[in-house]
Amino acid sequence: MDAALHLAPRVEWAGRVVECVRAGLGDKDFSRLIEGISDILTDLADEAEPVSVR
């Protein structure tokens, strides 16, 4: 494996978890899950306190 493509063990593990979830839900429900997570992250980002600029 190319050293540039080597991922940290936690990242590889997370990728395997995502693939298992996708396999369990199927493509349609997995896509809905990802869209829901994206919406939640967008809402959280919108609610975040602005960072002070000095």
PDB file of N, CA and C in Angstrom:
ATOM      1  N   MET A   1       0.844  -1.182   0.000  1.00  0.00           N
ATOM      2  CA  MET A   1       0.000   0.000   0.000  1.00  0.00           C
ATOM      3  C   MET A   1       0.889   1.245   0.000  1.00  0.00           C
ATOM      4  N   ASP A   2       0.495   2.204  -0.790  1.00  0.00           N
ATOM      5  CA  ASP A   2       1.228   3.472  -0.874  1.00  0.00           C
ATOM      6  C   ASP A   2       1.159   4.174   0.475  1.00  0.00           C
ATOM      7  N   ALA A   3       2.306   4.636   0.960  1.00  0.00           N
ATOM      8  CA  ALA A   3       2.351   5.298   2.266  1.00  0.00           C
ATOM      9  C   ALA A   3       1.453   6.522   2.306  1.00  0.00           C
ATOM     10  N   ALA A   4       1.295   7.219   1.189  1.00  0.00           N
ATOM     11  CA  ALA A   4       0.446   8.411   1.147  1.00  0.00           C
ATOM     12  C   ALA A   4      -1.030   8.057   1.319  1.00  0.00           C
ATOM     13  N   LEU A   5      -1.392   6.824   0.977  1.00  0.00           N
ATOM     14  CA  LEU A   5      -2.785   6.401   1.085  1.00  0.00           C
ATOM     15  C   LEU A   5      -3.084   5.692   2.405  1.00  0.00           C
ATOM     16  N   HIS A   6      -2.078   5.469   3.225  1.00  0.00           N
ATOM     17  CA  HIS A   6      -2.271   4.787   4.498  1.00  0.00           C
ATOM     18  C   HIS A   6      -3.057   5.671   5.450  1.00  0.00           C
ATOM     19  N   LEU A   7      -4.078   5.106   6.049  1.00  0.00           N
ATOM     20  CA  LEU A   7      -4.907   5.848   6.984  1.00  0.00           C
ATOM     21  C   LEU A   7      -4.603   5.416   8.411  1.00  0.00           C
ATOM     22  N   ALA A   8      -4.820   6.312   9.333  1.00  0.00           N
ATOM     23  CA  ALA A   8      -4.649   5.991  10.748  1.00  0.00           C
ATOM     24  C   ALA A   8      -5.619   4.862  11.109  1.00  0.00           C
ATOM     25  N   PRO A   9      -5.259   4.010  12.057  1.00  0.00           N
ATOM     26  CA  PRO A   9      -6.129   2.886  12.429  1.00  0.00           C
ATOM     27  C   PRO A   9      -7.551   3.304  12.801  1.00  0.00           C
ATOM     28  N   ARG A  10      -7.699   4.407  13.493  1.00  0.00           N
ATOM     29  CA  ARG A  10      -9.051   4.858  13.865  1.00  0.00           C
ATOM     30  C   ARG A  10      -9.872   5.247  12.641  1.00  0.00           C
ATOM     31  N   VAL A  11      -9.218   5.837  11.652  1.00  0.00           N
ATOM     32  CA  VAL A  11      -9.920   6.228  10.427  1.00  0.00           C
ATOM     33  C   VAL A  11     -10.341   4.982   9.658  1.00  0.00           C
ATOM     34  N   GLU A  12      -9.464   3.993   9.577  1.00  0.00           N
ATOM     35  CA  GLU A  12      -9.807   2.737   8.914  1.00  0.00           C
ATOM     36  C   GLU A  12     -10.970   2.056   9.631  1.00  0.00           C
ATOM     37  N   TRP A  13     -10.949   2.055  10.948  1.00  0.00           N
ATOM     38  CA  TRP A  13     -12.025   1.449  11.731  1.00  0.00           C
ATOM     39  C   TRP A  13     -13.336   2.186  11.481  1.00  0.00           C
ATOM     40  N   ALA A  14     -13.299   3.509  11.478  1.00  0.00           N
ATOM     41  CA  ALA A  14     -14.506   4.299  11.236  1.00  0.00           C
ATOM     42  C   ALA A  14     -15.068   4.005   9.845  1.00  0.00           C
ATOM     43  N   GLY A  15     -14.197   3.847   8.871  1.00  0.00           N
ATOM     44  CA  GLY A  15     -14.642   3.506   7.526  1.00  0.00           C
ATOM     45  C   GLY A  15     -15.347   2.166   7.479  1.00  0.00           C
ATOM     46  N   ARG A  16     -14.825   1.203   8.210  1.00  0.00           N
ATOM     47  CA  ARG A  16     -15.476  -0.123   8.263  1.00  0.00           C
ATOM     48  C   ARG A  16     -16.838  -0.033   8.941  1.00  0.00           C
ATOM     49  N   VAL A  17     -16.947   0.788   9.984  1.00  0.00           N
ATOM     50  CA  VAL A  17     -18.236   0.965  10.672  1.00  0.00           C
ATOM     51  C   VAL A  17     -19.254   1.567   9.712  1.00  0.00           C
ATOM     52  N   VAL A  18     -18.835   2.582   8.964  1.00  0.00           N
ATOM     53  CA  VAL A  18     -19.738   3.226   8.004  1.00  0.00           C
ATOM     54  C   VAL A  18     -20.202   2.223   6.957  1.00  0.00           C
ATOM     55  N   GLU A  19     -19.292   1.409   6.461  1.00  0.00           N
ATOM     56  CA  GLU A  19     -19.674   0.399   5.467  1.00  0.00           C
ATOM     57  C   GLU A  19     -20.664  -0.614   6.047  1.00  0.00           C
ATOM     58  N   CYS A  20     -20.491  -0.995   7.302  1.00  0.00           N
ATOM     59  CA  CYS A  20     -21.432  -1.924   7.939  1.00  0.00           C
ATOM     60  C   CYS A  20     -22.812  -1.290   8.094  1.00  0.00           C
ATOM     61  N   VAL A  21     -22.843  -0.034   8.495  1.00  0.00           N
ATOM     62  CA  VAL A  21     -24.120   0.671   8.633  1.00  0.00           C
ATOM     63  C   VAL A  21     -24.801   0.763   7.273  1.00  0.00           C
ATOM     64  N   ARG A  22     -24.030   1.097   6.239  1.00  0.00           N
ATOM     65  CA  ARG A  22     -24.598   1.197   4.894  1.00  0.00           C
ATOM     66  C   ARG A  22     -25.162  -0.148   4.436  1.00  0.00           C
ATOM     67  N   ALA A  23     -24.418  -1.210   4.706  1.00  0.00           N
ATOM     68  CA  ALA A  23     -24.879  -2.545   4.321  1.00  0.00           C
ATOM     69  C   ALA A  23     -26.166  -2.904   5.056  1.00  0.00           C
ATOM     70  N   GLY A  24     -26.254  -2.509   6.322  1.00  0.00           N
ATOM     71  CA  GLY A  24     -27.439  -2.822   7.112  1.00  0.00           C
ATOM     72  C   GLY A  24     -28.660  -2.014   6.709  1.00  0.00           C
ATOM     73  N   LEU A  25     -28.458  -0.762   6.349  1.00  0.00           N
ATOM     74  CA  LEU A  25     -29.584   0.110   6.011  1.00  0.00           C
ATOM     75  C   LEU A  25     -29.988   0.039   4.550  1.00  0.00           C
ATOM     76  N   GLY A  26     -29.045  -0.259   3.698  1.00  0.00           N
ATOM     77  CA  GLY A  26     -29.303  -0.164   2.262  1.00  0.00           C
ATOM     78  C   GLY A  26     -28.993   1.251   1.795  1.00  0.00           C
ATOM     79  N   ASP A  27     -28.821   1.399   0.503  1.00  0.00           N
ATOM     80  CA  ASP A  27     -28.382   2.685  -0.041  1.00  0.00           C
ATOM     81  C   ASP A  27     -29.359   3.826   0.228  1.00  0.00           C
ATOM     82  N   LYS A  28     -30.660   3.581   0.047  1.00  0.00           N
ATOM     83  CA  LYS A  28     -31.654   4.653   0.196  1.00  0.00           C
ATOM     84  C   LYS A  28     -31.698   5.173   1.633  1.00  0.00           C
ATOM     85  N   ASP A  29     -31.838   4.274   2.592  1.00  0.00           N
ATOM     86  CA  ASP A  29     -31.904   4.700   3.995  1.00  0.00           C
ATOM     87  C   ASP A  29     -30.570   5.261   4.478  1.00  0.00           C
ATOM     88  N   PHE A  30     -29.469   4.733   3.962  1.00  0.00           N
ATOM     89  CA  PHE A  30     -28.156   5.266   4.324  1.00  0.00           C
ATOM     90  C   PHE A  30     -28.031   6.707   3.838  1.00  0.00           C
ATOM     91  N   SER A  31     -28.491   6.981   2.618  1.00  0.00           N
ATOM     92  CA  SER A  31     -28.456   8.341   2.084  1.00  0.00           C
ATOM     93  C   SER A  31     -29.305   9.279   2.934  1.00  0.00           C
ATOM     94  N   ARG A  32     -30.463   8.804   3.372  1.00  0.00           N
ATOM     95  CA  ARG A  32     -31.318   9.622   4.239  1.00  0.00           C
ATOM     96  C   ARG A  32     -30.636   9.900   5.571  1.00  0.00           C
ATOM     97  N   LEU A  33     -29.940   8.921   6.108  1.00  0.00           N
ATOM     98  CA  LEU A  33     -29.202   9.098   7.357  1.00  0.00           C
ATOM     99  C   LEU A  33     -28.121  10.162   7.190  1.00  0.00           C
ATOM    100  N   ILE A  34     -27.354  10.076   6.114  1.00  0.00           N
ATOM    101  CA  ILE A  34     -26.281  11.042   5.865  1.00  0.00           C
ATOM    102  C   ILE A  34     -26.856  12.444   5.688  1.00  0.00           C
ATOM    103  N   GLU A  35     -27.968  12.567   4.966  1.00  0.00           N
ATOM    104  CA  GLU A  35     -28.614  13.869   4.795  1.00  0.00           C
ATOM    105  C   GLU A  35     -29.063  14.429   6.142  1.00  0.00           C
ATOM    106  N   GLY A  36     -29.609  13.563   6.987  1.00  0.00           N
ATOM    107  CA  GLY A  36     -30.042  14.002   8.310  1.00  0.00           C
ATOM    108  C   GLY A  36     -28.876  14.480   9.167  1.00  0.00           C
ATOM    109  N   ILE A  37     -27.779  13.749   9.113  1.00  0.00           N
ATOM    110  CA  ILE A  37     -26.582  14.153   9.862  1.00  0.00           C
ATOM    111  C   ILE A  37     -26.068  15.486   9.333  1.00  0.00           C
ATOM    112  N   SER A  38     -26.070  15.648   8.017  1.00  0.00           N
ATOM    113  CA  SER A  38     -25.615  16.894   7.410  1.00  0.00           C
ATOM    114  C   SER A  38     -26.473  18.071   7.869  1.00  0.00           C
ATOM    115  N   ASP A  39     -27.793  17.861   7.910  1.00  0.00           N
ATOM    116  CA  ASP A  39     -28.697  18.921   8.374  1.00  0.00           C
ATOM    117  C   ASP A  39     -28.416  19.291   9.825  1.00  0.00           C
ATOM    118  N   ILE A  40     -28.176  18.301  10.660  1.00  0.00           N
ATOM    119  CA  ILE A  40     -27.881  18.547  12.071  1.00  0.00           C
ATOM    120  C   ILE A  40     -26.589  19.336  12.211  1.00  0.00           C
ATOM    121  N   LEU A  41     -25.558  18.941  11.468  1.00  0.00           N
ATOM    122  CA  LEU A  41     -24.276  19.652  11.534  1.00  0.00           C
ATOM    123  C   LEU A  41     -24.409  21.092  11.040  1.00  0.00           C
ATOM    124  N   THR A  42     -25.218  21.299  10.010  1.00  0.00           N
ATOM    125  CA  THR A  42     -25.450  22.653   9.500  1.00  0.00           C
ATOM    126  C   THR A  42     -26.149  23.499  10.560  1.00  0.00           C
ATOM    127  N   ASP A  43     -27.159  22.926  11.204  1.00  0.00           N
ATOM    128  CA  ASP A  43     -27.868  23.644  12.264  1.00  0.00           C
ATOM    129  C   ASP A  43     -26.928  23.992  13.412  1.00  0.00           C
ATOM    130  N   LEU A  44     -26.085  23.060  13.800  1.00  0.00           N
ATOM    131  CA  LEU A  44     -25.136  23.314  14.885  1.00  0.00           C
ATOM    132  C   LEU A  44     -24.139  24.399  14.501  1.00  0.00           C
ATOM    133  N   ALA A  45     -23.700  24.386  13.262  1.00  0.00           N
ATOM    134  CA  ALA A  45     -22.756  25.411  12.806  1.00  0.00           C
ATOM    135  C   ALA A  45     -23.409  26.779  12.800  1.00  0.00           C
ATOM    136  N   ASP A  46     -24.690  26.835  12.437  1.00  0.00           N
ATOM    137  CA  ASP A  46     -25.412  28.107  12.418  1.00  0.00           C
ATOM    138  C   ASP A  46     -25.613  28.653  13.823  1.00  0.00           C
ATOM    139  N   GLU A  47     -25.726  27.754  14.804  1.00  0.00           N
ATOM    140  CA  GLU A  47     -25.958  28.158  16.186  1.00  0.00           C
ATOM    141  C   GLU A  47     -24.671  28.467  16.943  1.00  0.00           C
ATOM    142  N   ALA A  48     -23.544  28.113  16.359  1.00  0.00           N
ATOM    143  CA  ALA A  48     -22.265  28.299  17.048  1.00  0.00           C
ATOM    144  C   ALA A  48     -22.016  29.783  17.301  1.00  0.00           C
ATOM    145  N   GLU A  49     -21.367  30.051  18.410  1.00  0.00           N
ATOM    146  CA  GLU A  49     -21.030  31.423  18.746  1.00  0.00           C
ATOM    147  C   GLU A  49     -19.955  31.902  17.784  1.00  0.00           C
ATOM    148  N   PRO A  50     -20.095  33.137  17.297  1.00  0.00           N
ATOM    149  CA  PRO A  50     -19.060  33.650  16.402  1.00  0.00           C
ATOM    150  C   PRO A  50     -17.720  33.800  17.126  1.00  0.00           C
ATOM    151  N   VAL A  51     -16.668  33.578  16.400  1.00  0.00           N
ATOM    152  CA  VAL A  51     -15.326  33.689  16.953  1.00  0.00           C
ATOM    153  C   VAL A  51     -14.916  35.161  16.899  1.00  0.00           C
ATOM    154  N   SER A  52     -14.387  35.640  17.994  1.00  0.00           N
ATOM    155  CA  SER A  52     -13.922  37.033  18.042  1.00  0.00           C
ATOM    156  C   SER A  52     -12.715  37.212  17.136  1.00  0.00           C
ATOM    157  N   VAL A  53     -12.719  38.298  16.405  1.00  0.00           N
ATOM    158  CA  VAL A  53     -11.590  38.622  15.539  1.00  0.00           C
ATOM    159  C   VAL A  53     -10.844  39.761  16.176  1.00  0.00           C
ATOM    160  N   ARG A  54      -9.557  39.576  16.357  1.00  0.00           N
ATOM    161  CA  ARG A  54      -8.766  40.638  17.003  1.00  0.00           C
ATOM    162  C   ARG A  54      -7.916  41.326  15.994  1.00  0.00           C
TER     163      ARG A  54
END
